[in-house]
Structures are given as C-alpha cells and as structure tokens.
Amino acid sequence: MRLIVNGEPQTVVATTLSDLLAALDYEGDWLATAVNGELIHRDDRGDHALNDNDRIEILTPMQGG
C-alpha cells in the first residue's frame, strides 16, 4: 500500500494505523496521529483501516524551551 507519512511517500504492508506505527517503530501512548487531517485517538488506531494514498501524520512531543 502506498501512503504519505509525515510528508514522505512510503510503501507498506500495514492495513491499520496501529500496524503502521508498529512497522515504523513508533511506540508509546504519547503519540498523536491523524489520517487525512482527522485526529485518530489511540484507542481507535487498531480499528482504523488505511487506504492507498492516505496522508498520515505522526507527532511526537519534543523537549525544548
């Protein structure tokens, strides 16, 4: 499947948002995720099916000031 992840084209075999996060080695409950501009709650990631050309944004907290 072809996806755009954080602005970069990717080809993956993941079919759900949860599978994609695992395949890309994203871990932790503190991630924020959106698919095609829609925020996806962490409890819904396992049920959220991905489709070709979906735009995925994965945000992680940053330290700084």
N, C-alpha and C. Protein backbone atom coordinates (compact mmCIF):
# COMPACT_ATOMS: atom_id res chain seq x y z
N MET A 1 0.85 -1.17 0.00
CA MET A 1 0.00 0.00 0.00
C MET A 1 0.90 1.23 0.00
N ARG A 2 0.49 2.24 -0.74
CA ARG A 2 1.24 3.49 -0.79
C ARG A 2 0.57 4.52 0.10
N LEU A 3 1.37 5.11 0.99
CA LEU A 3 0.89 6.13 1.92
C LEU A 3 1.84 7.31 1.90
N ILE A 4 1.37 8.43 2.39
CA ILE A 4 2.22 9.59 2.63
C ILE A 4 2.31 9.72 4.16
N VAL A 5 3.49 9.48 4.71
CA VAL A 5 3.69 9.51 6.15
C VAL A 5 4.59 10.71 6.48
N ASN A 6 4.04 11.64 7.24
CA ASN A 6 4.76 12.86 7.60
C ASN A 6 5.36 13.53 6.36
N GLY A 7 4.60 13.54 5.29
CA GLY A 7 5.01 14.21 4.07
C GLY A 7 5.89 13.41 3.14
N GLU A 8 6.25 12.18 3.52
CA GLU A 8 7.15 11.35 2.72
C GLU A 8 6.39 10.13 2.18
N PRO A 9 6.50 9.85 0.88
CA PRO A 9 5.86 8.65 0.32
C PRO A 9 6.49 7.39 0.91
N GLN A 10 5.64 6.43 1.24
CA GLN A 10 6.10 5.15 1.79
C GLN A 10 5.25 4.04 1.18
N THR A 11 5.86 2.89 1.00
CA THR A 11 5.13 1.68 0.61
C THR A 11 5.21 0.72 1.78
N VAL A 12 4.05 0.31 2.29
CA VAL A 12 3.99 -0.54 3.48
C VAL A 12 2.96 -1.65 3.28
N VAL A 13 3.03 -2.67 4.13
CA VAL A 13 2.05 -3.75 4.10
C VAL A 13 1.00 -3.59 5.20
N ALA A 14 1.17 -2.59 6.06
CA ALA A 14 0.23 -2.36 7.16
C ALA A 14 -1.16 -2.04 6.63
N THR A 15 -2.17 -2.55 7.31
CA THR A 15 -3.55 -2.29 6.90
C THR A 15 -4.31 -1.42 7.89
N THR A 16 -3.76 -1.26 9.11
CA THR A 16 -4.39 -0.39 10.10
C THR A 16 -3.35 0.62 10.60
N LEU A 17 -3.83 1.66 11.22
CA LEU A 17 -2.92 2.67 11.76
C LEU A 17 -2.02 2.06 12.83
N SER A 18 -2.54 1.20 13.65
CA SER A 18 -1.75 0.54 14.68
C SER A 18 -0.63 -0.30 14.05
N ASP A 19 -0.95 -1.05 13.00
CA ASP A 19 0.06 -1.84 12.29
C ASP A 19 1.15 -0.95 11.70
N LEU A 20 0.75 0.19 11.15
CA LEU A 20 1.71 1.11 10.56
C LEU A 20 2.67 1.64 11.62
N LEU A 21 2.15 2.04 12.76
CA LEU A 21 3.01 2.55 13.83
C LEU A 21 4.01 1.50 14.28
N ALA A 22 3.58 0.26 14.38
CA ALA A 22 4.49 -0.82 14.77
C ALA A 22 5.54 -1.05 13.70
N ALA A 23 5.14 -1.03 12.44
CA ALA A 23 6.08 -1.26 11.34
C ALA A 23 7.13 -0.16 11.25
N LEU A 24 6.77 1.05 11.64
CA LEU A 24 7.70 2.18 11.59
C LEU A 24 8.41 2.41 12.92
N ASP A 25 8.24 1.48 13.87
CA ASP A 25 8.89 1.53 15.18
C ASP A 25 8.49 2.74 16.03
N TYR A 26 7.25 3.18 15.90
CA TYR A 26 6.73 4.21 16.80
C TYR A 26 6.09 3.50 17.97
N GLU A 27 6.51 3.88 19.19
CA GLU A 27 5.97 3.27 20.38
C GLU A 27 5.54 4.35 21.36
N GLY A 28 4.69 3.98 22.27
CA GLY A 28 4.29 4.89 23.33
C GLY A 28 2.88 5.41 23.17
N ASP A 29 2.28 5.72 24.30
CA ASP A 29 0.92 6.23 24.32
C ASP A 29 0.87 7.74 24.09
N TRP A 30 2.02 8.38 23.99
CA TRP A 30 2.07 9.82 23.90
C TRP A 30 2.10 10.33 22.46
N LEU A 31 1.94 9.46 21.49
CA LEU A 31 1.90 9.88 20.09
C LEU A 31 0.56 10.50 19.74
N ALA A 32 0.58 11.46 18.84
CA ALA A 32 -0.65 11.99 18.26
C ALA A 32 -0.66 11.56 16.80
N THR A 33 -1.80 11.07 16.33
CA THR A 33 -1.89 10.58 14.95
C THR A 33 -3.10 11.18 14.25
N ALA A 34 -2.92 11.42 12.96
CA ALA A 34 -4.02 11.91 12.14
C ALA A 34 -3.95 11.22 10.78
N VAL A 35 -5.12 10.93 10.24
CA VAL A 35 -5.23 10.34 8.90
C VAL A 35 -6.09 11.28 8.07
N ASN A 36 -5.51 11.76 6.99
CA ASN A 36 -6.22 12.71 6.10
C ASN A 36 -6.80 13.89 6.87
N GLY A 37 -6.02 14.38 7.85
CA GLY A 37 -6.42 15.55 8.61
C GLY A 37 -7.35 15.28 9.78
N GLU A 38 -7.74 14.03 9.98
CA GLU A 38 -8.65 13.67 11.08
C GLU A 38 -7.85 13.03 12.21
N LEU A 39 -7.93 13.62 13.39
CA LEU A 39 -7.24 13.09 14.56
C LEU A 39 -7.80 11.71 14.90
N ILE A 40 -6.91 10.73 15.11
CA ILE A 40 -7.32 9.37 15.46
C ILE A 40 -6.85 9.09 16.88
N HIS A 41 -7.79 8.86 17.78
CA HIS A 41 -7.49 8.57 19.18
C HIS A 41 -6.74 7.24 19.27
N ARG A 42 -5.84 7.13 20.23
CA ARG A 42 -5.02 5.91 20.34
C ARG A 42 -5.86 4.65 20.49
N ASP A 43 -7.01 4.73 21.16
CA ASP A 43 -7.87 3.55 21.32
C ASP A 43 -8.49 3.10 20.01
N ASP A 44 -8.52 3.96 19.01
CA ASP A 44 -9.14 3.64 17.72
C ASP A 44 -8.14 3.23 16.65
N ARG A 45 -6.85 3.29 16.95
CA ARG A 45 -5.83 3.01 15.93
C ARG A 45 -5.89 1.59 15.38
N GLY A 46 -6.20 0.62 16.22
CA GLY A 46 -6.25 -0.77 15.79
C GLY A 46 -7.40 -1.05 14.83
N ASP A 47 -8.45 -0.25 14.91
CA ASP A 47 -9.63 -0.43 14.06
C ASP A 47 -9.64 0.51 12.86
N HIS A 48 -8.71 1.44 12.82
CA HIS A 48 -8.70 2.43 11.74
C HIS A 48 -7.98 1.86 10.51
N ALA A 49 -8.76 1.47 9.51
CA ALA A 49 -8.21 0.89 8.27
C ALA A 49 -7.56 1.98 7.43
N LEU A 50 -6.44 1.63 6.81
CA LEU A 50 -5.74 2.54 5.92
C LEU A 50 -6.07 2.20 4.47
N ASN A 51 -6.01 3.22 3.62
CA ASN A 51 -6.27 3.06 2.19
C ASN A 51 -5.12 3.66 1.40
N ASP A 52 -4.94 3.19 0.17
CA ASP A 52 -3.91 3.76 -0.70
C ASP A 52 -4.01 5.28 -0.73
N ASN A 53 -2.86 5.91 -0.68
CA ASN A 53 -2.72 7.37 -0.77
C ASN A 53 -3.24 8.14 0.43
N ASP A 54 -3.53 7.46 1.55
CA ASP A 54 -3.87 8.18 2.78
C ASP A 54 -2.67 9.02 3.21
N ARG A 55 -2.96 10.15 3.83
CA ARG A 55 -1.93 11.03 4.37
C ARG A 55 -1.92 10.86 5.89
N ILE A 56 -0.82 10.35 6.41
CA ILE A 56 -0.69 10.05 7.83
C ILE A 56 0.26 11.06 8.46
N GLU A 57 -0.14 11.62 9.57
CA GLU A 57 0.75 12.49 10.35
C GLU A 57 0.95 11.84 11.71
N ILE A 58 2.21 11.68 12.09
CA ILE A 58 2.57 11.12 13.39
C ILE A 58 3.38 12.17 14.12
N LEU A 59 2.85 12.63 15.23
CA LEU A 59 3.51 13.69 16.00
C LEU A 59 4.00 13.14 17.32
N THR A 60 5.23 13.52 17.67
CA THR A 60 5.82 13.12 18.94
C THR A 60 6.19 14.38 19.70
N PRO A 61 6.11 14.34 21.03
CA PRO A 61 6.48 15.54 21.81
C PRO A 61 7.97 15.80 21.69
N MET A 62 8.31 17.08 21.77
CA MET A 62 9.71 17.50 21.72
C MET A 62 10.05 18.27 22.99
N GLN A 63 11.28 18.12 23.44
CA GLN A 63 11.72 18.91 24.57
C GLN A 63 12.35 20.19 24.07
N GLY A 64 12.26 21.18 24.84
CA GLY A 64 12.88 22.45 24.46
C GLY A 64 12.22 23.60 25.17
N GLY A 65 12.61 24.77 24.81
CA GLY A 65 12.05 25.89 25.52
C GLY A 65 11.91 27.06 24.71
